[in-house]
């Protein structure tokens, strides 16, 4: 008992010797906050029973990682996609739960390798206005749509900036509505989340996907440079656990599980 008390006193003394900002970080880092795109089923979407929280495959995976590391992870709604990214960039939220890696984003966040899933970005068009499409060059001269601050991988982003006309809006529903109202000729958006939204809005007969996809990119965990919890030791532990998980079936199983959950919630099959 005396030895235990001495250990506690020593730990308390060491804690009190930390600079104030590090002492606060040590106290708070038993819990991490994460967010992501709230219109991204089966990866992430708002919990109908608790709209301040996000659920989905990415949330399940991150919580499992946190549990294995002894860290409580809260996956919260951080606003529309562009605002959610700003919340993580500024450190108000610690982690991005699913992010494509680009050079610009690496200036603001530490990406945890390896990626835990891959997702395809595709060309969405109206059924009555489809066009011949074989590669990125076939999009030139047409008015396209995308989301504010969205990425479809470094290579496509660079090509689009130099060659394509893309108009960005804050949310996925608004982007699809612009396409339906013929204000865009096509929309670049991820396949699964797009299918889910199109189905729930009853737009299946009006829209289609062109092949091939414009990109297939890895989804990463990304830890804000501004997070008080961003320490080398935490990044290393996250990376080790992520490597362990992606070598097995868990990520894809979580996608299938959450596809089914999404279908049950919307009452149909996307």
C-alpha atoms as a PDB file:
ATOM      1  CA  UNK A   1       0.000   0.000   0.000  1.00  0.00           C
ATOM      2  CA  UNK A   2       2.854   2.392   0.911  1.00  0.00           C
ATOM      3  CA  UNK A   3       4.628   1.619  -2.396  1.00  0.00           C
ATOM      4  CA  UNK A   4       1.390   2.221  -4.335  1.00  0.00           C
ATOM      5  CA  UNK A   5       0.937   5.603  -2.647  1.00  0.00           C
ATOM      6  CA  UNK A   6       4.532   6.525  -3.435  1.00  0.00           C
ATOM      7  CA  UNK A   7       3.993   5.656  -7.107  1.00  0.00           C
ATOM      8  CA  UNK A   8       0.856   7.768  -7.262  1.00  0.00           C
ATOM      9  CA  UNK A   9       2.671  10.679  -5.636  1.00  0.00           C
ATOM     10  CA  UNK A  10       5.527  10.357  -8.123  1.00  0.00           C
ATOM     11  CA  UNK A  11       3.145  10.308 -11.101  1.00  0.00           C
ATOM     12  CA  UNK A  12       1.306  13.342  -9.733  1.00  0.00           C
ATOM     13  CA  UNK A  13       4.598  15.177  -9.244  1.00  0.00           C
ATOM     14  CA  UNK A  14       5.681  14.418 -12.808  1.00  0.00           C
ATOM     15  CA  UNK A  15       2.317  15.576 -14.135  1.00  0.00           C
ATOM     16  CA  UNK A  16       2.598  18.863 -12.223  1.00  0.00           C
ATOM     17  CA  UNK A  17       6.073  19.445 -13.672  1.00  0.00           C
ATOM     18  CA  UNK A  18       4.724  19.376 -17.258  1.00  0.00           C
ATOM     19  CA  UNK A  19       4.265  22.728 -19.022  1.00  0.00           C
ATOM     20  CA  UNK A  20       0.603  23.842 -18.652  1.00  0.00           C
ATOM     21  CA  UNK A  21      -0.347  23.089 -22.258  1.00  0.00           C
ATOM     22  CA  UNK A  22       1.144  19.575 -22.071  1.00  0.00           C
ATOM     23  CA  UNK A  23      -0.500  18.915 -18.711  1.00  0.00           C
ATOM     24  CA  UNK A  24      -3.874  19.768 -20.244  1.00  0.00           C
ATOM     25  CA  UNK A  25      -3.151  17.493 -23.210  1.00  0.00           C
ATOM     26  CA  UNK A  26      -2.224  14.590 -20.942  1.00  0.00           C
ATOM     27  CA  UNK A  27      -5.468  15.038 -19.032  1.00  0.00           C
ATOM     28  CA  UNK A  28      -7.625  15.154 -22.154  1.00  0.00           C
ATOM     29  CA  UNK A  29      -5.988  12.553 -24.393  1.00  0.00           C
ATOM     30  CA  UNK A  30      -7.817   9.649 -22.858  1.00  0.00           C
ATOM     31  CA  UNK A  31     -10.507  10.752 -25.300  1.00  0.00           C
ATOM     32  CA  UNK A  32     -10.228  11.690 -28.975  1.00  0.00           C
ATOM     33  CA  UNK A  33     -12.850  13.346 -31.150  1.00  0.00           C
ATOM     34  CA  UNK A  34     -13.226  12.503 -34.829  1.00  0.00           C
ATOM     35  CA  UNK A  35     -15.462  13.616 -37.667  1.00  0.00           C
ATOM     36  CA  UNK A  36     -15.845  13.245 -41.425  1.00  0.00           C
ATOM     37  CA  UNK A  37     -18.210  13.661 -44.339  1.00  0.00           C
ATOM     38  CA  UNK A  38     -21.745  13.330 -42.893  1.00  0.00           C
ATOM     39  CA  UNK A  39     -23.196  12.377 -46.309  1.00  0.00           C
ATOM     40  CA  UNK A  40     -21.012   9.346 -46.894  1.00  0.00           C
ATOM     41  CA  UNK A  41     -22.885   6.069 -46.262  1.00  0.00           C
ATOM     42  CA  UNK A  42     -21.883   3.302 -45.720  1.00  0.00           C
ATOM     43  CA  UNK A  43     -18.669   4.943 -44.458  1.00  0.00           C
ATOM     44  CA  UNK A  44     -20.212   7.781 -42.411  1.00  0.00           C
ATOM     45  CA  UNK A  45     -23.586   9.415 -41.888  1.00  0.00           C
ATOM     46  CA  UNK A  46     -25.529  11.123 -39.106  1.00  0.00           C
ATOM     47  CA  UNK A  47     -27.153   8.820 -36.565  1.00  0.00           C
ATOM     48  CA  UNK A  48     -30.938   9.262 -36.945  1.00  0.00           C
ATOM     49  CA  UNK A  49     -31.322   8.678 -33.194  1.00  0.00           C
ATOM     50  CA  UNK A  50     -28.513  11.073 -32.241  1.00  0.00           C
ATOM     51  CA  UNK A  51     -27.760  13.588 -35.024  1.00  0.00           C
ATOM     52  CA  UNK A  52     -24.760  14.998 -33.148  1.00  0.00           C
ATOM     53  CA  UNK A  53     -22.972  11.670 -33.739  1.00  0.00           C
ATOM     54  CA  UNK A  54     -21.764   9.979 -36.932  1.00  0.00           C
ATOM     55  CA  UNK A  55     -22.134   6.261 -37.551  1.00  0.00           C
ATOM     56  CA  UNK A  56     -20.880   3.966 -40.303  1.00  0.00           C
ATOM     57  CA  UNK A  57     -17.966   1.707 -41.227  1.00  0.00           C
ATOM     58  CA  UNK A  58     -15.335   4.377 -40.588  1.00  0.00           C
ATOM     59  CA  UNK A  59     -16.794   5.187 -37.173  1.00  0.00           C
ATOM     60  CA  UNK A  60     -16.941   1.510 -36.188  1.00  0.00           C
ATOM     61  CA  UNK A  61     -13.341   0.959 -37.272  1.00  0.00           C
ATOM     62  CA  UNK A  62     -12.043   4.006 -35.429  1.00  0.00           C
ATOM     63  CA  UNK A  63     -13.868   3.070 -32.242  1.00  0.00           C
ATOM     64  CA  UNK A  64     -12.407  -0.447 -32.459  1.00  0.00           C
ATOM     65  CA  UNK A  65      -8.914   1.027 -32.833  1.00  0.00           C
ATOM     66  CA  UNK A  66      -9.524   3.330 -29.883  1.00  0.00           C
ATOM     67  CA  UNK A  67     -10.765   0.487 -27.712  1.00  0.00           C
ATOM     68  CA  UNK A  68      -7.683  -1.587 -28.520  1.00  0.00           C
ATOM     69  CA  UNK A  69      -5.473   1.355 -27.515  1.00  0.00           C
ATOM     70  CA  UNK A  70      -7.443   2.202 -24.387  1.00  0.00           C
ATOM     71  CA  UNK A  71      -8.640   5.518 -25.828  1.00  0.00           C
ATOM     72  CA  UNK A  72     -12.282   6.594 -25.946  1.00  0.00           C
ATOM     73  CA  UNK A  73     -13.133   7.884 -29.450  1.00  0.00           C
ATOM     74  CA  UNK A  74     -16.202  10.054 -30.089  1.00  0.00           C
ATOM     75  CA  UNK A  75     -17.190  10.351 -33.758  1.00  0.00           C
ATOM     76  CA  UNK A  76     -19.143  13.590 -33.910  1.00  0.00           C
ATOM     77  CA  UNK A  77     -21.031  15.628 -36.500  1.00  0.00           C
ATOM     78  CA  UNK A  78     -18.744  18.529 -37.391  1.00  0.00           C
ATOM     79  CA  UNK A  79     -21.060  20.193 -39.885  1.00  0.00           C
ATOM     80  CA  UNK A  80     -21.130  19.908 -43.692  1.00  0.00           C
ATOM     81  CA  UNK A  81     -18.054  18.378 -45.303  1.00  0.00           C
ATOM     82  CA  UNK A  82     -16.174  21.653 -45.856  1.00  0.00           C
ATOM     83  CA  UNK A  83     -16.782  22.799 -42.278  1.00  0.00           C
ATOM     84  CA  UNK A  84     -15.918  19.383 -40.820  1.00  0.00           C
ATOM     85  CA  UNK A  85     -12.512  19.621 -42.511  1.00  0.00           C
ATOM     86  CA  UNK A  86     -11.968  23.073 -41.010  1.00  0.00           C
ATOM     87  CA  UNK A  87     -12.848  21.759 -37.543  1.00  0.00           C
ATOM     88  CA  UNK A  88     -10.041  19.185 -37.848  1.00  0.00           C
ATOM     89  CA  UNK A  89      -7.559  21.564 -39.477  1.00  0.00           C
ATOM     90  CA  UNK A  90      -7.901  23.954 -36.528  1.00  0.00           C
ATOM     91  CA  UNK A  91      -7.668  21.164 -33.933  1.00  0.00           C
ATOM     92  CA  UNK A  92     -11.129  21.735 -32.505  1.00  0.00           C
ATOM     93  CA  UNK A  93     -11.671  18.097 -33.525  1.00  0.00           C
ATOM     94  CA  UNK A  94      -8.668  15.743 -33.365  1.00  0.00           C
ATOM     95  CA  UNK A  95      -9.126  13.250 -36.198  1.00  0.00           C
ATOM     96  CA  UNK A  96     -10.533  12.924 -39.681  1.00  0.00           C
ATOM     97  CA  UNK A  97     -12.221   9.525 -39.935  1.00  0.00           C
ATOM     98  CA  UNK A  98     -11.591   8.858 -43.613  1.00  0.00           C
ATOM     99  CA  UNK A  99      -9.555  11.243 -45.801  1.00  0.00           C
ATOM    100  CA  UNK A 100      -7.901  11.037 -49.205  1.00  0.00           C
ATOM    101  CA  UNK A 101      -4.188  11.871 -49.065  1.00  0.00           C
ATOM    102  CA  UNK A 102      -2.999  14.969 -50.958  1.00  0.00           C
ATOM    103  CA  UNK A 103       0.084  17.163 -50.680  1.00  0.00           C
ATOM    104  CA  UNK A 104      -1.979  20.113 -49.441  1.00  0.00           C
ATOM    105  CA  UNK A 105      -3.679  18.070 -46.743  1.00  0.00           C
ATOM    106  CA  UNK A 106      -0.332  16.720 -45.536  1.00  0.00           C
ATOM    107  CA  UNK A 107       0.598  20.287 -44.605  1.00  0.00           C
ATOM    108  CA  UNK A 108      -2.255  20.293 -42.077  1.00  0.00           C
ATOM    109  CA  UNK A 109      -2.540  16.725 -40.834  1.00  0.00           C
ATOM    110  CA  UNK A 110      -0.536  13.583 -40.131  1.00  0.00           C
ATOM    111  CA  UNK A 111      -1.885  10.690 -42.179  1.00  0.00           C
ATOM    112  CA  UNK A 112      -1.878   7.301 -40.461  1.00  0.00           C
ATOM    113  CA  UNK A 113      -0.662   4.611 -42.853  1.00  0.00           C
ATOM    114  CA  UNK A 114      -1.815   2.284 -44.225  1.00  0.00           C
ATOM    115  CA  UNK A 115      -5.250   3.352 -45.546  1.00  0.00           C
ATOM    116  CA  UNK A 116      -8.023   1.239 -44.081  1.00  0.00           C
ATOM    117  CA  UNK A 117     -10.321   1.133 -47.128  1.00  0.00           C
ATOM    118  CA  UNK A 118     -10.390   2.162 -50.775  1.00  0.00           C
ATOM    119  CA  UNK A 119     -13.239   4.015 -52.428  1.00  0.00           C
ATOM    120  CA  UNK A 120     -13.987   4.832 -56.064  1.00  0.00           C
ATOM    121  CA  UNK A 121     -14.842   8.287 -57.370  1.00  0.00           C
ATOM    122  CA  UNK A 122     -17.026   8.143 -60.471  1.00  0.00           C
ATOM    123  CA  UNK A 123     -18.693  10.312 -63.116  1.00  0.00           C
ATOM    124  CA  UNK A 124     -22.421  10.782 -62.502  1.00  0.00           C
ATOM    125  CA  UNK A 125     -24.625  11.942 -65.395  1.00  0.00           C
ATOM    126  CA  UNK A 126     -28.312  12.250 -66.243  1.00  0.00           C
ATOM    127  CA  UNK A 127     -29.686   9.240 -68.070  1.00  0.00           C
ATOM    128  CA  UNK A 128     -30.883  11.419 -70.956  1.00  0.00           C
ATOM    129  CA  UNK A 129     -27.590  13.326 -71.255  1.00  0.00           C
ATOM    130  CA  UNK A 130     -24.968  10.576 -71.072  1.00  0.00           C
ATOM    131  CA  UNK A 131     -21.881  11.017 -73.253  1.00  0.00           C
ATOM    132  CA  UNK A 132     -18.974   8.907 -74.473  1.00  0.00           C
ATOM    133  CA  UNK A 133     -16.469   8.637 -71.663  1.00  0.00           C
ATOM    134  CA  UNK A 134     -13.264   6.601 -71.619  1.00  0.00           C
ATOM    135  CA  UNK A 135     -10.801   8.750 -69.673  1.00  0.00           C
ATOM    136  CA  UNK A 136     -10.375  12.154 -68.019  1.00  0.00           C
ATOM    137  CA  UNK A 137      -9.873  13.936 -71.354  1.00  0.00           C
ATOM    138  CA  UNK A 138     -13.486  13.184 -72.292  1.00  0.00           C
ATOM    139  CA  UNK A 139     -14.601  15.559 -69.504  1.00  0.00           C
ATOM    140  CA  UNK A 140     -12.917  18.568 -71.120  1.00  0.00           C
ATOM    141  CA  UNK A 141     -15.216  21.291 -72.414  1.00  0.00           C
ATOM    142  CA  UNK A 142     -18.101  20.168 -70.197  1.00  0.00           C
ATOM    143  CA  UNK A 143     -19.415  21.850 -67.065  1.00  0.00           C
ATOM    144  CA  UNK A 144     -18.810  19.559 -64.099  1.00  0.00           C
ATOM    145  CA  UNK A 145     -19.740  19.549 -60.446  1.00  0.00           C
ATOM    146  CA  UNK A 146     -17.966  18.628 -57.222  1.00  0.00           C
ATOM    147  CA  UNK A 147     -18.036  19.411 -53.489  1.00  0.00           C
ATOM    148  CA  UNK A 148     -16.219  22.231 -51.716  1.00  0.00           C
ATOM    149  CA  UNK A 149     -12.808  21.051 -50.418  1.00  0.00           C
ATOM    150  CA  UNK A 150     -13.376  17.554 -51.814  1.00  0.00           C
ATOM    151  CA  UNK A 151     -10.549  15.507 -53.295  1.00  0.00           C
ATOM    152  CA  UNK A 152     -10.489  12.570 -55.674  1.00  0.00           C
ATOM    153  CA  UNK A 153      -6.784  11.860 -55.308  1.00  0.00           C
ATOM    154  CA  UNK A 154      -3.721  13.991 -56.041  1.00  0.00           C
ATOM    155  CA  UNK A 155      -3.407  12.998 -59.723  1.00  0.00           C
ATOM    156  CA  UNK A 156      -7.014  13.716 -60.641  1.00  0.00           C
ATOM    157  CA  UNK A 157      -7.094  16.909 -58.543  1.00  0.00           C
ATOM    158  CA  UNK A 158      -4.030  18.240 -60.396  1.00  0.00           C
ATOM    159  CA  UNK A 159      -5.511  17.301 -63.780  1.00  0.00           C
ATOM    160  CA  UNK A 160      -8.889  18.864 -62.935  1.00  0.00           C
ATOM    161  CA  UNK A 161      -7.326  22.160 -61.823  1.00  0.00           C
ATOM    162  CA  UNK A 162      -5.426  22.423 -65.110  1.00  0.00           C
ATOM    163  CA  UNK A 163      -8.004  21.091 -67.551  1.00  0.00           C
ATOM    164  CA  UNK A 164     -11.572  20.859 -66.244  1.00  0.00           C
ATOM    165  CA  UNK A 165     -14.397  23.216 -65.337  1.00  0.00           C
ATOM    166  CA  UNK A 166     -15.665  22.081 -61.943  1.00  0.00           C
ATOM    167  CA  UNK A 167     -18.164  24.075 -59.862  1.00  0.00           C
ATOM    168  CA  UNK A 168     -18.086  23.263 -56.132  1.00  0.00           C
ATOM    169  CA  UNK A 169     -21.028  23.323 -53.704  1.00  0.00           C
ATOM    170  CA  UNK A 170     -21.079  22.532 -49.956  1.00  0.00           C
ATOM    171  CA  UNK A 171     -23.221  19.385 -49.911  1.00  0.00           C
ATOM    172  CA  UNK A 172     -23.799  16.208 -51.930  1.00  0.00           C
ATOM    173  CA  UNK A 173     -27.566  16.667 -52.233  1.00  0.00           C
ATOM    174  CA  UNK A 174     -27.104  20.167 -53.655  1.00  0.00           C
ATOM    175  CA  UNK A 175     -24.512  18.830 -56.120  1.00  0.00           C
ATOM    176  CA  UNK A 176     -26.867  16.118 -57.386  1.00  0.00           C
ATOM    177  CA  UNK A 177     -29.744  18.596 -57.648  1.00  0.00           C
ATOM    178  CA  UNK A 178     -27.610  20.865 -59.837  1.00  0.00           C
ATOM    179  CA  UNK A 179     -26.954  17.890 -62.100  1.00  0.00           C
ATOM    180  CA  UNK A 180     -30.647  16.997 -62.253  1.00  0.00           C
ATOM    181  CA  UNK A 181     -31.582  20.611 -63.033  1.00  0.00           C
ATOM    182  CA  UNK A 182     -29.103  20.584 -65.964  1.00  0.00           C
ATOM    183  CA  UNK A 183     -26.826  23.196 -64.397  1.00  0.00           C
ATOM    184  CA  UNK A 184     -23.959  20.702 -64.677  1.00  0.00           C
ATOM    185  CA  UNK A 185     -23.218  18.132 -67.371  1.00  0.00           C
ATOM    186  CA  UNK A 186     -21.690  15.693 -64.899  1.00  0.00           C
ATOM    187  CA  UNK A 187     -20.773  15.313 -61.244  1.00  0.00           C
ATOM    188  CA  UNK A 188     -17.643  13.759 -59.727  1.00  0.00           C
ATOM    189  CA  UNK A 189     -18.561  11.969 -56.507  1.00  0.00           C
ATOM    190  CA  UNK A 190     -17.776   8.721 -54.697  1.00  0.00           C
ATOM    191  CA  UNK A 191     -19.732   5.695 -55.888  1.00  0.00           C
ATOM    192  CA  UNK A 192     -21.209   4.132 -52.730  1.00  0.00           C
ATOM    193  CA  UNK A 193     -22.236   7.396 -51.022  1.00  0.00           C
ATOM    194  CA  UNK A 194     -23.692   8.592 -54.314  1.00  0.00           C
ATOM    195  CA  UNK A 195     -25.704   5.399 -54.769  1.00  0.00           C
ATOM    196  CA  UNK A 196     -27.097   5.718 -51.256  1.00  0.00           C
ATOM    197  CA  UNK A 197     -28.192   9.333 -51.730  1.00  0.00           C
ATOM    198  CA  UNK A 198     -29.617   8.737 -55.212  1.00  0.00           C
ATOM    199  CA  UNK A 199     -31.684   5.818 -53.930  1.00  0.00           C
ATOM    200  CA  UNK A 200     -33.099   7.614 -50.893  1.00  0.00           C
ATOM    201  CA  UNK A 201     -34.117  10.585 -53.050  1.00  0.00           C
ATOM    202  CA  UNK A 202     -35.743   8.377 -55.690  1.00  0.00           C
ATOM    203  CA  UNK A 203     -33.414   9.524 -58.468  1.00  0.00           C
ATOM    204  CA  UNK A 204     -32.321   6.060 -59.656  1.00  0.00           C
ATOM    205  CA  UNK A 205     -34.160   6.261 -62.992  1.00  0.00           C
ATOM    206  CA  UNK A 206     -32.782   9.732 -63.745  1.00  0.00           C
ATOM    207  CA  UNK A 207     -29.073   9.221 -63.103  1.00  0.00           C
ATOM    208  CA  UNK A 208     -26.333   6.791 -64.016  1.00  0.00           C
ATOM    209  CA  UNK A 209     -22.615   6.183 -63.479  1.00  0.00           C
ATOM    210  CA  UNK A 210     -20.110   6.188 -66.333  1.00  0.00           C
ATOM    211  CA  UNK A 211     -17.189   3.744 -66.404  1.00  0.00           C
ATOM    212  CA  UNK A 212     -14.317   3.715 -65.684  1.00  0.00           C
ATOM    213  CA  UNK A 213     -14.011   5.495 -62.305  1.00  0.00           C
ATOM    214  CA  UNK A 214     -11.895   8.650 -62.276  1.00  0.00           C
ATOM    215  CA  UNK A 215      -9.917   7.301 -59.320  1.00  0.00           C
ATOM    216  CA  UNK A 216      -9.724   4.668 -56.610  1.00  0.00           C
ATOM    217  CA  UNK A 217      -8.179   6.187 -53.496  1.00  0.00           C
ATOM    218  CA  UNK A 218      -7.304   5.012 -50.013  1.00  0.00           C
ATOM    219  CA  UNK A 219      -9.232   6.293 -47.011  1.00  0.00           C
ATOM    220  CA  UNK A 220      -6.879   7.270 -44.180  1.00  0.00           C
ATOM    221  CA  UNK A 221      -7.156   8.344 -40.601  1.00  0.00           C
ATOM    222  CA  UNK A 222      -5.661  11.837 -40.350  1.00  0.00           C
ATOM    223  CA  UNK A 223      -4.617  13.507 -37.100  1.00  0.00           C
ATOM    224  CA  UNK A 224      -4.670  17.303 -37.008  1.00  0.00           C
ATOM    225  CA  UNK A 225      -1.338  19.071 -36.547  1.00  0.00           C
ATOM    226  CA  UNK A 226      -3.229  21.368 -34.156  1.00  0.00           C
ATOM    227  CA  UNK A 227      -4.588  18.572 -31.953  1.00  0.00           C
ATOM    228  CA  UNK A 228      -3.169  18.626 -28.426  1.00  0.00           C
ATOM    229  CA  UNK A 229      -3.101  14.827 -28.620  1.00  0.00           C
ATOM    230  CA  UNK A 230      -0.890  14.698 -31.717  1.00  0.00           C
ATOM    231  CA  UNK A 231       2.241  12.997 -30.365  1.00  0.00           C
ATOM    232  CA  UNK A 232       4.660  10.601 -32.095  1.00  0.00           C
ATOM    233  CA  UNK A 233       3.761   7.843 -29.634  1.00  0.00           C
ATOM    234  CA  UNK A 234       0.046   8.093 -30.446  1.00  0.00           C
ATOM    235  CA  UNK A 235       0.690   8.144 -34.193  1.00  0.00           C
ATOM    236  CA  UNK A 236       2.881   5.059 -33.922  1.00  0.00           C
ATOM    237  CA  UNK A 237       0.291   3.167 -31.892  1.00  0.00           C
ATOM    238  CA  UNK A 238      -2.461   4.105 -34.355  1.00  0.00           C
ATOM    239  CA  UNK A 239      -0.329   2.992 -37.304  1.00  0.00           C
ATOM    240  CA  UNK A 240       0.529  -0.367 -35.705  1.00  0.00           C
ATOM    241  CA  UNK A 241      -3.119  -1.104 -34.958  1.00  0.00           C
ATOM    242  CA  UNK A 242      -4.224   0.013 -38.408  1.00  0.00           C
ATOM    243  CA  UNK A 243      -1.646  -2.262 -40.057  1.00  0.00           C
ATOM    244  CA  UNK A 244      -2.960  -5.141 -37.985  1.00  0.00           C
ATOM    245  CA  UNK A 245      -6.579  -4.478 -38.933  1.00  0.00           C
ATOM    246  CA  UNK A 246      -6.148  -3.981 -42.679  1.00  0.00           C
ATOM    247  CA  UNK A 247      -4.382  -7.322 -43.121  1.00  0.00           C
ATOM    248  CA  UNK A 248      -7.630  -9.035 -42.110  1.00  0.00           C
ATOM    249  CA  UNK A 249     -11.282  -8.955 -43.198  1.00  0.00           C
ATOM    250  CA  UNK A 250     -12.549  -6.430 -40.635  1.00  0.00           C
ATOM    251  CA  UNK A 251     -12.709  -3.244 -42.785  1.00  0.00           C
ATOM    252  CA  UNK A 252     -14.697  -4.878 -45.599  1.00  0.00           C
ATOM    253  CA  UNK A 253     -16.932  -6.634 -43.079  1.00  0.00           C
ATOM    254  CA  UNK A 254     -17.742  -3.268 -41.526  1.00  0.00           C
ATOM    255  CA  UNK A 255     -18.649  -1.872 -44.952  1.00  0.00           C
ATOM    256  CA  UNK A 256     -21.059  -4.744 -45.584  1.00  0.00           C
ATOM    257  CA  UNK A 257     -22.551  -4.451 -42.103  1.00  0.00           C
ATOM    258  CA  UNK A 258     -23.144  -0.719 -42.515  1.00  0.00           C
ATOM    259  CA  UNK A 259     -24.529  -1.079 -46.020  1.00  0.00           C
ATOM    260  CA  UNK A 260     -27.165  -3.331 -44.517  1.00  0.00           C
ATOM    261  CA  UNK A 261     -27.787  -0.895 -41.649  1.00  0.00           C
ATOM    262  CA  UNK A 262     -28.207   1.975 -44.110  1.00  0.00           C
ATOM    263  CA  UNK A 263     -30.648  -0.079 -46.216  1.00  0.00           C
ATOM    264  CA  UNK A 264     -32.700  -0.889 -43.129  1.00  0.00           C
ATOM    265  CA  UNK A 265     -32.817   2.763 -42.098  1.00  0.00           C
ATOM    266  CA  UNK A 266     -34.007   3.982 -45.486  1.00  0.00           C
ATOM    267  CA  UNK A 267     -36.299   0.998 -45.979  1.00  0.00           C
ATOM    268  CA  UNK A 268     -34.979  -0.321 -49.268  1.00  0.00           C
ATOM    269  CA  UNK A 269     -32.101  -1.504 -51.396  1.00  0.00           C
ATOM    270  CA  UNK A 270     -29.784   1.072 -53.003  1.00  0.00           C
END
